[in-house]
């Protein structure tokens, strides 16, 4: 569900055939949130695609649902602080 139209709680709940409230309650019971899971999924995919080296950073950002390359750049600095410090 990532890409030009990033997933929302509403869309994910519908895909899982549960209500939004049920999804949010179950995530809360697991000690997480929809935003945290979305961020983690994006981070894992970004790491894999950056390691592959086949896609540009702009393409990866788009595929992960970031509206601007600068937004993806900020996210990668947050996700991979040691790589950012090394100038990668």
PDB file of N, CA and C in Angstrom:
ATOM      1  N   UNK A   1       0.806  -1.211   0.000  1.00  0.00           N
ATOM      2  CA  UNK A   1       0.000   0.000   0.000  1.00  0.00           C
ATOM      3  C   UNK A   1       0.845   1.269   0.000  1.00  0.00           C
ATOM      4  N   UNK A   2       2.140   1.157  -0.001  1.00  0.00           N
ATOM      5  CA  UNK A   2       2.977   2.355  -0.026  1.00  0.00           C
ATOM      6  C   UNK A   2       2.998   2.914  -1.441  1.00  0.00           C
ATOM      7  N   UNK A   3       3.461   4.116  -1.595  1.00  0.00           N
ATOM      8  CA  UNK A   3       3.545   4.732  -2.906  1.00  0.00           C
ATOM      9  C   UNK A   3       2.914   6.096  -2.906  1.00  0.00           C
ATOM     10  N   UNK A   4       2.362   6.464  -4.044  1.00  0.00           N
ATOM     11  CA  UNK A   4       1.801   7.805  -4.202  1.00  0.00           C
ATOM     12  C   UNK A   4       0.651   8.068  -3.237  1.00  0.00           C
ATOM     13  N   UNK A   5      -0.039   7.017  -2.824  1.00  0.00           N
ATOM     14  CA  UNK A   5      -1.163   7.163  -1.899  1.00  0.00           C
ATOM     15  C   UNK A   5      -0.880   6.293  -0.673  1.00  0.00           C
ATOM     16  N   UNK A   6      -0.086   6.819   0.289  1.00  0.00           N
ATOM     17  CA  UNK A   6       0.317   6.009   1.442  1.00  0.00           C
ATOM     18  C   UNK A   6      -0.877   5.461   2.221  1.00  0.00           C
ATOM     19  N   UNK A   7      -0.673   4.357   2.916  1.00  0.00           N
ATOM     20  CA  UNK A   7      -1.774   3.739   3.652  1.00  0.00           C
ATOM     21  C   UNK A   7      -2.258   4.615   4.802  1.00  0.00           C
ATOM     22  N   UNK A   8      -3.513   4.457   5.105  1.00  0.00           N
ATOM     23  CA  UNK A   8      -4.118   5.130   6.248  1.00  0.00           C
ATOM     24  C   UNK A   8      -4.690   4.064   7.167  1.00  0.00           C
ATOM     25  N   UNK A   9      -4.986   4.446   8.387  1.00  0.00           N
ATOM     26  CA  UNK A   9      -5.612   3.510   9.322  1.00  0.00           C
ATOM     27  C   UNK A   9      -6.909   2.976   8.717  1.00  0.00           C
ATOM     28  N   UNK A  10      -7.658   3.845   8.082  1.00  0.00           N
ATOM     29  CA  UNK A  10      -8.937   3.445   7.487  1.00  0.00           C
ATOM     30  C   UNK A  10      -8.744   2.369   6.425  1.00  0.00           C
ATOM     31  N   UNK A  11      -7.807   2.584   5.515  1.00  0.00           N
ATOM     32  CA  UNK A  11      -7.582   1.622   4.426  1.00  0.00           C
ATOM     33  C   UNK A  11      -7.033   0.296   4.946  1.00  0.00           C
ATOM     34  N   UNK A  12      -6.108   0.359   5.895  1.00  0.00           N
ATOM     35  CA  UNK A  12      -5.532  -0.870   6.433  1.00  0.00           C
ATOM     36  C   UNK A  12      -6.581  -1.653   7.223  1.00  0.00           C
ATOM     37  N   UNK A  13      -7.372  -0.965   8.031  1.00  0.00           N
ATOM     38  CA  UNK A  13      -8.437  -1.638   8.781  1.00  0.00           C
ATOM     39  C   UNK A  13      -9.410  -2.330   7.826  1.00  0.00           C
ATOM     40  N   UNK A  14      -9.779  -1.647   6.758  1.00  0.00           N
ATOM     41  CA  UNK A  14     -10.690  -2.241   5.775  1.00  0.00           C
ATOM     42  C   UNK A  14     -10.066  -3.471   5.133  1.00  0.00           C
ATOM     43  N   UNK A  15      -8.782  -3.397   4.805  1.00  0.00           N
ATOM     44  CA  UNK A  15      -8.104  -4.537   4.191  1.00  0.00           C
ATOM     45  C   UNK A  15      -8.031  -5.731   5.149  1.00  0.00           C
ATOM     46  N   UNK A  16      -7.963  -5.439   6.454  1.00  0.00           N
ATOM     47  CA  UNK A  16      -7.902  -6.498   7.462  1.00  0.00           C
ATOM     48  C   UNK A  16      -9.288  -6.927   7.946  1.00  0.00           C
ATOM     49  N   UNK A  17     -10.316  -6.274   7.411  1.00  0.00           N
ATOM     50  CA  UNK A  17     -11.709  -6.573   7.758  1.00  0.00           C
ATOM     51  C   UNK A  17     -12.005  -6.355   9.242  1.00  0.00           C
ATOM     52  N   UNK A  18     -11.447  -5.262   9.778  1.00  0.00           N
ATOM     53  CA  UNK A  18     -11.740  -4.852  11.150  1.00  0.00           C
ATOM     54  C   UNK A  18     -12.057  -3.360  11.131  1.00  0.00           C
ATOM     55  N   UNK A  19     -12.653  -2.889  12.209  1.00  0.00           N
ATOM     56  CA  UNK A  19     -12.924  -1.454  12.294  1.00  0.00           C
ATOM     57  C   UNK A  19     -11.629  -0.705  12.628  1.00  0.00           C
ATOM     58  N   UNK A  20     -11.623   0.590  12.357  1.00  0.00           N
ATOM     59  CA  UNK A  20     -10.465   1.416  12.720  1.00  0.00           C
ATOM     60  C   UNK A  20     -10.189   1.312  14.205  1.00  0.00           C
ATOM     61  N   UNK A  21     -11.232   1.404  14.996  1.00  0.00           N
ATOM     62  CA  UNK A  21     -11.076   1.374  16.451  1.00  0.00           C
ATOM     63  C   UNK A  21     -10.488   0.043  16.905  1.00  0.00           C
ATOM     64  N   UNK A  22     -10.937  -1.059  16.310  1.00  0.00           N
ATOM     65  CA  UNK A  22     -10.395  -2.369  16.676  1.00  0.00           C
ATOM     66  C   UNK A  22      -8.915  -2.443  16.323  1.00  0.00           C
ATOM     67  N   UNK A  23      -8.552  -1.960  15.146  1.00  0.00           N
ATOM     68  CA  UNK A  23      -7.149  -1.957  14.744  1.00  0.00           C
ATOM     69  C   UNK A  23      -6.327  -1.123  15.720  1.00  0.00           C
ATOM     70  N   UNK A  24      -6.793   0.073  16.033  1.00  0.00           N
ATOM     71  CA  UNK A  24      -6.055   0.938  16.955  1.00  0.00           C
ATOM     72  C   UNK A  24      -5.942   0.301  18.342  1.00  0.00           C
ATOM     73  N   UNK A  25      -7.003  -0.315  18.805  1.00  0.00           N
ATOM     74  CA  UNK A  25      -6.990  -0.963  20.126  1.00  0.00           C
ATOM     75  C   UNK A  25      -5.997  -2.128  20.141  1.00  0.00           C
ATOM     76  N   UNK A  26      -5.992  -2.924  19.094  1.00  0.00           N
ATOM     77  CA  UNK A  26      -5.068  -4.070  19.037  1.00  0.00           C
ATOM     78  C   UNK A  26      -3.620  -3.599  18.959  1.00  0.00           C
ATOM     79  N   UNK A  27      -3.372  -2.546  18.211  1.00  0.00           N
ATOM     80  CA  UNK A  27      -2.013  -2.004  18.145  1.00  0.00           C
ATOM     81  C   UNK A  27      -1.599  -1.469  19.513  1.00  0.00           C
ATOM     82  N   UNK A  28      -2.506  -0.781  20.185  1.00  0.00           N
ATOM     83  CA  UNK A  28      -2.225  -0.264  21.522  1.00  0.00           C
ATOM     84  C   UNK A  28      -1.907  -1.411  22.488  1.00  0.00           C
ATOM     85  N   UNK A  29      -2.672  -2.497  22.393  1.00  0.00           N
ATOM     86  CA  UNK A  29      -2.441  -3.667  23.241  1.00  0.00           C
ATOM     87  C   UNK A  29      -1.050  -4.269  23.001  1.00  0.00           C
ATOM     88  N   UNK A  30      -0.535  -4.105  21.783  1.00  0.00           N
ATOM     89  CA  UNK A  30       0.801  -4.607  21.440  1.00  0.00           C
ATOM     90  C   UNK A  30       1.897  -3.587  21.747  1.00  0.00           C
ATOM     91  N   UNK A  31       1.492  -2.420  22.249  1.00  0.00           N
ATOM     92  CA  UNK A  31       2.463  -1.391  22.612  1.00  0.00           C
ATOM     93  C   UNK A  31       3.012  -0.609  21.441  1.00  0.00           C
ATOM     94  N   UNK A  32       2.221  -0.502  20.391  1.00  0.00           N
ATOM     95  CA  UNK A  32       2.675   0.238  19.218  1.00  0.00           C
ATOM     96  C   UNK A  32       1.523   1.066  18.664  1.00  0.00           C
ATOM     97  N   UNK A  33       1.782   1.722  17.552  1.00  0.00           N
ATOM     98  CA  UNK A  33       0.766   2.538  16.890  1.00  0.00           C
ATOM     99  C   UNK A  33       0.870   2.340  15.387  1.00  0.00           C
ATOM    100  N   UNK A  34      -0.149   2.791  14.697  1.00  0.00           N
ATOM    101  CA  UNK A  34      -0.134   2.705  13.237  1.00  0.00           C
ATOM    102  C   UNK A  34       1.046   3.498  12.675  1.00  0.00           C
ATOM    103  N   UNK A  35       1.260   4.697  13.197  1.00  0.00           N
ATOM    104  CA  UNK A  35       2.362   5.540  12.714  1.00  0.00           C
ATOM    105  C   UNK A  35       3.715   4.862  12.929  1.00  0.00           C
ATOM    106  N   UNK A  36       3.894   4.219  14.072  1.00  0.00           N
ATOM    107  CA  UNK A  36       5.163   3.537  14.355  1.00  0.00           C
ATOM    108  C   UNK A  36       5.380   2.363  13.408  1.00  0.00           C
ATOM    109  N   UNK A  37       4.324   1.598  13.134  1.00  0.00           N
ATOM    110  CA  UNK A  37       4.446   0.467  12.206  1.00  0.00           C
ATOM    111  C   UNK A  37       4.727   0.935  10.785  1.00  0.00           C
ATOM    112  N   UNK A  38       4.068   2.005  10.376  1.00  0.00           N
ATOM    113  CA  UNK A  38       4.303   2.545   9.044  1.00  0.00           C
ATOM    114  C   UNK A  38       5.742   3.024   8.916  1.00  0.00           C
ATOM    115  N   UNK A  39       6.225   3.720   9.924  1.00  0.00           N
ATOM    116  CA  UNK A  39       7.604   4.213   9.915  1.00  0.00           C
ATOM    117  C   UNK A  39       8.595   3.049   9.857  1.00  0.00           C
ATOM    118  N   UNK A  40       8.349   1.995  10.624  1.00  0.00           N
ATOM    119  CA  UNK A  40       9.229   0.832  10.636  1.00  0.00           C
ATOM    120  C   UNK A  40       9.223   0.111   9.288  1.00  0.00           C
ATOM    121  N   UNK A  41       8.059  -0.034   8.681  1.00  0.00           N
ATOM    122  CA  UNK A  41       7.982  -0.675   7.362  1.00  0.00           C
ATOM    123  C   UNK A  41       8.757   0.133   6.325  1.00  0.00           C
ATOM    124  N   UNK A  42       8.583   1.447   6.366  1.00  0.00           N
ATOM    125  CA  UNK A  42       9.325   2.309   5.436  1.00  0.00           C
ATOM    126  C   UNK A  42      10.832   2.195   5.663  1.00  0.00           C
ATOM    127  N   UNK A  43      11.254   2.173   6.935  1.00  0.00           N
ATOM    128  CA  UNK A  43      12.675   2.080   7.259  1.00  0.00           C
ATOM    129  C   UNK A  43      13.269   0.778   6.733  1.00  0.00           C
ATOM    130  N   UNK A  44      12.576  -0.329   6.965  1.00  0.00           N
ATOM    131  CA  UNK A  44      13.080  -1.625   6.511  1.00  0.00           C
ATOM    132  C   UNK A  44      13.180  -1.695   4.993  1.00  0.00           C
ATOM    133  N   UNK A  45      12.154  -1.202   4.299  1.00  0.00           N
ATOM    134  CA  UNK A  45      12.201  -1.204   2.834  1.00  0.00           C
ATOM    135  C   UNK A  45      13.290  -0.270   2.324  1.00  0.00           C
ATOM    136  N   UNK A  46      13.423   0.888   2.934  1.00  0.00           N
ATOM    137  CA  UNK A  46      14.467   1.838   2.524  1.00  0.00           C
ATOM    138  C   UNK A  46      15.840   1.197   2.671  1.00  0.00           C
ATOM    139  N   UNK A  47      16.093   0.548   3.794  1.00  0.00           N
ATOM    140  CA  UNK A  47      17.393  -0.089   4.026  1.00  0.00           C
ATOM    141  C   UNK A  47      17.679  -1.136   2.951  1.00  0.00           C
ATOM    142  N   UNK A  48      16.690  -1.962   2.652  1.00  0.00           N
ATOM    143  CA  UNK A  48      16.882  -3.010   1.640  1.00  0.00           C
ATOM    144  C   UNK A  48      17.141  -2.416   0.262  1.00  0.00           C
ATOM    145  N   UNK A  49      16.330  -1.434  -0.124  1.00  0.00           N
ATOM    146  CA  UNK A  49      16.486  -0.847  -1.458  1.00  0.00           C
ATOM    147  C   UNK A  49      17.757  -0.027  -1.578  1.00  0.00           C
ATOM    148  N   UNK A  50      18.145   0.662  -0.532  1.00  0.00           N
ATOM    149  CA  UNK A  50      19.406   1.414  -0.575  1.00  0.00           C
ATOM    150  C   UNK A  50      20.592   0.468  -0.673  1.00  0.00           C
ATOM    151  N   UNK A  51      20.539  -0.662   0.039  1.00  0.00           N
ATOM    152  CA  UNK A  51      21.620  -1.654  -0.038  1.00  0.00           C
ATOM    153  C   UNK A  51      21.715  -2.277  -1.423  1.00  0.00           C
ATOM    154  N   UNK A  52      20.564  -2.499  -2.074  1.00  0.00           N
ATOM    155  CA  UNK A  52      20.560  -3.071  -3.421  1.00  0.00           C
ATOM    156  C   UNK A  52      21.270  -2.151  -4.411  1.00  0.00           C
ATOM    157  N   UNK A  53      21.023  -0.867  -4.279  1.00  0.00           N
ATOM    158  CA  UNK A  53      21.659   0.106  -5.159  1.00  0.00           C
ATOM    159  C   UNK A  53      21.082   0.195  -6.559  1.00  0.00           C
ATOM    160  N   UNK A  54      19.947  -0.438  -6.810  1.00  0.00           N
ATOM    161  CA  UNK A  54      19.368  -0.408  -8.161  1.00  0.00           C
ATOM    162  C   UNK A  54      18.482   0.805  -8.393  1.00  0.00           C
ATOM    163  N   UNK A  55      17.934   1.362  -7.316  1.00  0.00           N
ATOM    164  CA  UNK A  55      17.023   2.496  -7.437  1.00  0.00           C
ATOM    165  C   UNK A  55      17.681   3.761  -6.911  1.00  0.00           C
ATOM    166  N   UNK A  56      17.285   4.893  -7.488  1.00  0.00           N
ATOM    167  CA  UNK A  56      17.787   6.167  -6.978  1.00  0.00           C
ATOM    168  C   UNK A  56      17.089   6.496  -5.665  1.00  0.00           C
ATOM    169  N   UNK A  57      17.675   7.402  -4.895  1.00  0.00           N
ATOM    170  CA  UNK A  57      17.050   7.825  -3.639  1.00  0.00           C
ATOM    171  C   UNK A  57      15.684   8.460  -3.920  1.00  0.00           C
ATOM    172  N   UNK A  58      15.568   9.185  -5.024  1.00  0.00           N
ATOM    173  CA  UNK A  58      14.288   9.805  -5.382  1.00  0.00           C
ATOM    174  C   UNK A  58      13.234   8.737  -5.653  1.00  0.00           C
ATOM    175  N   UNK A  59      13.610   7.691  -6.387  1.00  0.00           N
ATOM    176  CA  UNK A  59      12.671   6.599  -6.674  1.00  0.00           C
ATOM    177  C   UNK A  59      12.242   5.890  -5.396  1.00  0.00           C
ATOM    178  N   UNK A  60      13.191   5.632  -4.515  1.00  0.00           N
ATOM    179  CA  UNK A  60      12.876   4.960  -3.255  1.00  0.00           C
ATOM    180  C   UNK A  60      11.915   5.813  -2.429  1.00  0.00           C
ATOM    181  N   UNK A  61      12.209   7.099  -2.337  1.00  0.00           N
ATOM    182  CA  UNK A  61      11.329   7.999  -1.596  1.00  0.00           C
ATOM    183  C   UNK A  61       9.912   7.974  -2.138  1.00  0.00           C
ATOM    184  N   UNK A  62       9.783   8.002  -3.458  1.00  0.00           N
ATOM    185  CA  UNK A  62       8.465   7.954  -4.092  1.00  0.00           C
ATOM    186  C   UNK A  62       7.760   6.631  -3.774  1.00  0.00           C
ATOM    187  N   UNK A  63       8.482   5.513  -3.911  1.00  0.00           N
ATOM    188  CA  UNK A  63       7.895   4.200  -3.660  1.00  0.00           C
ATOM    189  C   UNK A  63       7.443   4.035  -2.204  1.00  0.00           C
ATOM    190  N   UNK A  64       8.100   4.755  -1.302  1.00  0.00           N
ATOM    191  CA  UNK A  64       7.750   4.677   0.112  1.00  0.00           C
ATOM    192  C   UNK A  64       6.671   5.672   0.513  1.00  0.00           C
ATOM    193  N   UNK A  65       6.217   6.486  -0.440  1.00  0.00           N
ATOM    194  CA  UNK A  65       5.108   7.392  -0.175  1.00  0.00           C
ATOM    195  C   UNK A  65       5.491   8.776   0.308  1.00  0.00           C
ATOM    196  N   UNK A  66       6.762   9.155   0.151  1.00  0.00           N
ATOM    197  CA  UNK A  66       7.168  10.504   0.537  1.00  0.00           C
ATOM    198  C   UNK A  66       6.840  11.460  -0.595  1.00  0.00           C
ATOM    199  N   UNK A  67       6.258  12.594  -0.253  1.00  0.00           N
ATOM    200  CA  UNK A  67       5.817  13.534  -1.279  1.00  0.00           C
ATOM    201  C   UNK A  67       6.954  14.362  -1.861  1.00  0.00           C
ATOM    202  N   UNK A  68       8.049  14.513  -1.120  1.00  0.00           N
ATOM    203  CA  UNK A  68       9.185  15.304  -1.582  1.00  0.00           C
ATOM    204  C   UNK A  68      10.485  14.588  -1.236  1.00  0.00           C
ATOM    205  N   UNK A  69      11.485  14.677  -2.107  1.00  0.00           N
ATOM    206  CA  UNK A  69      12.777  14.052  -1.809  1.00  0.00           C
ATOM    207  C   UNK A  69      13.371  14.530  -0.476  1.00  0.00           C
ATOM    208  N   UNK A  70      13.117  15.782  -0.126  1.00  0.00           N
ATOM    209  CA  UNK A  70      13.668  16.291   1.132  1.00  0.00           C
ATOM    210  C   UNK A  70      13.028  15.582   2.342  1.00  0.00           C
ATOM    211  N   UNK A  71      11.780  15.202   2.227  1.00  0.00           N
ATOM    212  CA  UNK A  71      11.122  14.464   3.315  1.00  0.00           C
ATOM    213  C   UNK A  71      11.770  13.094   3.493  1.00  0.00           C
ATOM    214  N   UNK A  72      12.066  12.428   2.396  1.00  0.00           N
ATOM    215  CA  UNK A  72      12.741  11.131   2.462  1.00  0.00           C
ATOM    216  C   UNK A  72      14.147  11.297   3.022  1.00  0.00           C
ATOM    217  N   UNK A  73      14.827  12.345   2.618  1.00  0.00           N
ATOM    218  CA  UNK A  73      16.175  12.610   3.114  1.00  0.00           C
ATOM    219  C   UNK A  73      16.183  12.798   4.632  1.00  0.00           C
ATOM    220  N   UNK A  74      15.223  13.558   5.145  1.00  0.00           N
ATOM    221  CA  UNK A  74      15.113  13.747   6.603  1.00  0.00           C
ATOM    222  C   UNK A  74      14.844  12.422   7.300  1.00  0.00           C
ATOM    223  N   UNK A  75      13.980  11.607   6.715  1.00  0.00           N
ATOM    224  CA  UNK A  75      13.660  10.308   7.318  1.00  0.00           C
ATOM    225  C   UNK A  75      14.900   9.414   7.347  1.00  0.00           C
ATOM    226  N   UNK A  76      15.678   9.391   6.276  1.00  0.00           N
ATOM    227  CA  UNK A  76      16.872   8.532   6.271  1.00  0.00           C
ATOM    228  C   UNK A  76      17.897   9.013   7.292  1.00  0.00           C
ATOM    229  N   UNK A  77      18.003  10.316   7.509  1.00  0.00           N
ATOM    230  CA  UNK A  77      18.921  10.823   8.546  1.00  0.00           C
ATOM    231  C   UNK A  77      18.452  10.387   9.931  1.00  0.00           C
ATOM    232  N   UNK A  78      17.154  10.320  10.126  1.00  0.00           N
ATOM    233  CA  UNK A  78      16.599   9.878  11.406  1.00  0.00           C
ATOM    234  C   UNK A  78      16.773   8.368  11.574  1.00  0.00           C
ATOM    235  N   UNK A  79      16.527   7.604  10.498  1.00  0.00           N
ATOM    236  CA  UNK A  79      16.610   6.155  10.569  1.00  0.00           C
ATOM    237  C   UNK A  79      18.036   5.635  10.659  1.00  0.00           C
ATOM    238  N   UNK A  80      18.930   6.282   9.922  1.00  0.00           N
ATOM    239  CA  UNK A  80      20.308   5.793   9.788  1.00  0.00           C
ATOM    240  C   UNK A  80      21.303   6.889  10.155  1.00  0.00           C
ATOM    241  N   UNK A  81      21.336   7.314  11.411  1.00  0.00           N
ATOM    242  CA  UNK A  81      22.178   8.453  11.793  1.00  0.00           C
ATOM    243  C   UNK A  81      23.673   8.229  11.545  1.00  0.00           C
ATOM    244  N   UNK A  82      24.161   6.998  11.694  1.00  0.00           N
ATOM    245  CA  UNK A  82      25.587   6.758  11.471  1.00  0.00           C
ATOM    246  C   UNK A  82      25.942   6.888   9.991  1.00  0.00           C
ATOM    247  N   UNK A  83      25.030   6.488   9.114  1.00  0.00           N
ATOM    248  CA  UNK A  83      25.271   6.623   7.668  1.00  0.00           C
ATOM    249  C   UNK A  83      25.256   8.088   7.267  1.00  0.00           C
ATOM    250  N   UNK A  84      24.367   8.866   7.885  1.00  0.00           N
ATOM    251  CA  UNK A  84      24.289  10.301   7.575  1.00  0.00           C
ATOM    252  C   UNK A  84      25.565  11.002   8.018  1.00  0.00           C
ATOM    253  N   UNK A  85      26.096  10.599   9.174  1.00  0.00           N
ATOM    254  CA  UNK A  85      27.327  11.206   9.672  1.00  0.00           C
ATOM    255  C   UNK A  85      28.513  10.853   8.784  1.00  0.00           C
ATOM    256  N   UNK A  86      28.459   9.683   8.153  1.00  0.00           N
ATOM    257  CA  UNK A  86      29.539   9.260   7.271  1.00  0.00           C
ATOM    258  C   UNK A  86      29.415   9.851   5.873  1.00  0.00           C
ATOM    259  N   UNK A  87      28.336  10.610   5.638  1.00  0.00           N
ATOM    260  CA  UNK A  87      28.149  11.259   4.348  1.00  0.00           C
ATOM    261  C   UNK A  87      27.551  10.388   3.278  1.00  0.00           C
ATOM    262  N   UNK A  88      26.873   9.343   3.653  1.00  0.00           N
ATOM    263  CA  UNK A  88      26.256   8.452   2.666  1.00  0.00           C
ATOM    264  C   UNK A  88      24.878   8.906   2.302  1.00  0.00           C
TER     265      UNK A  88
END
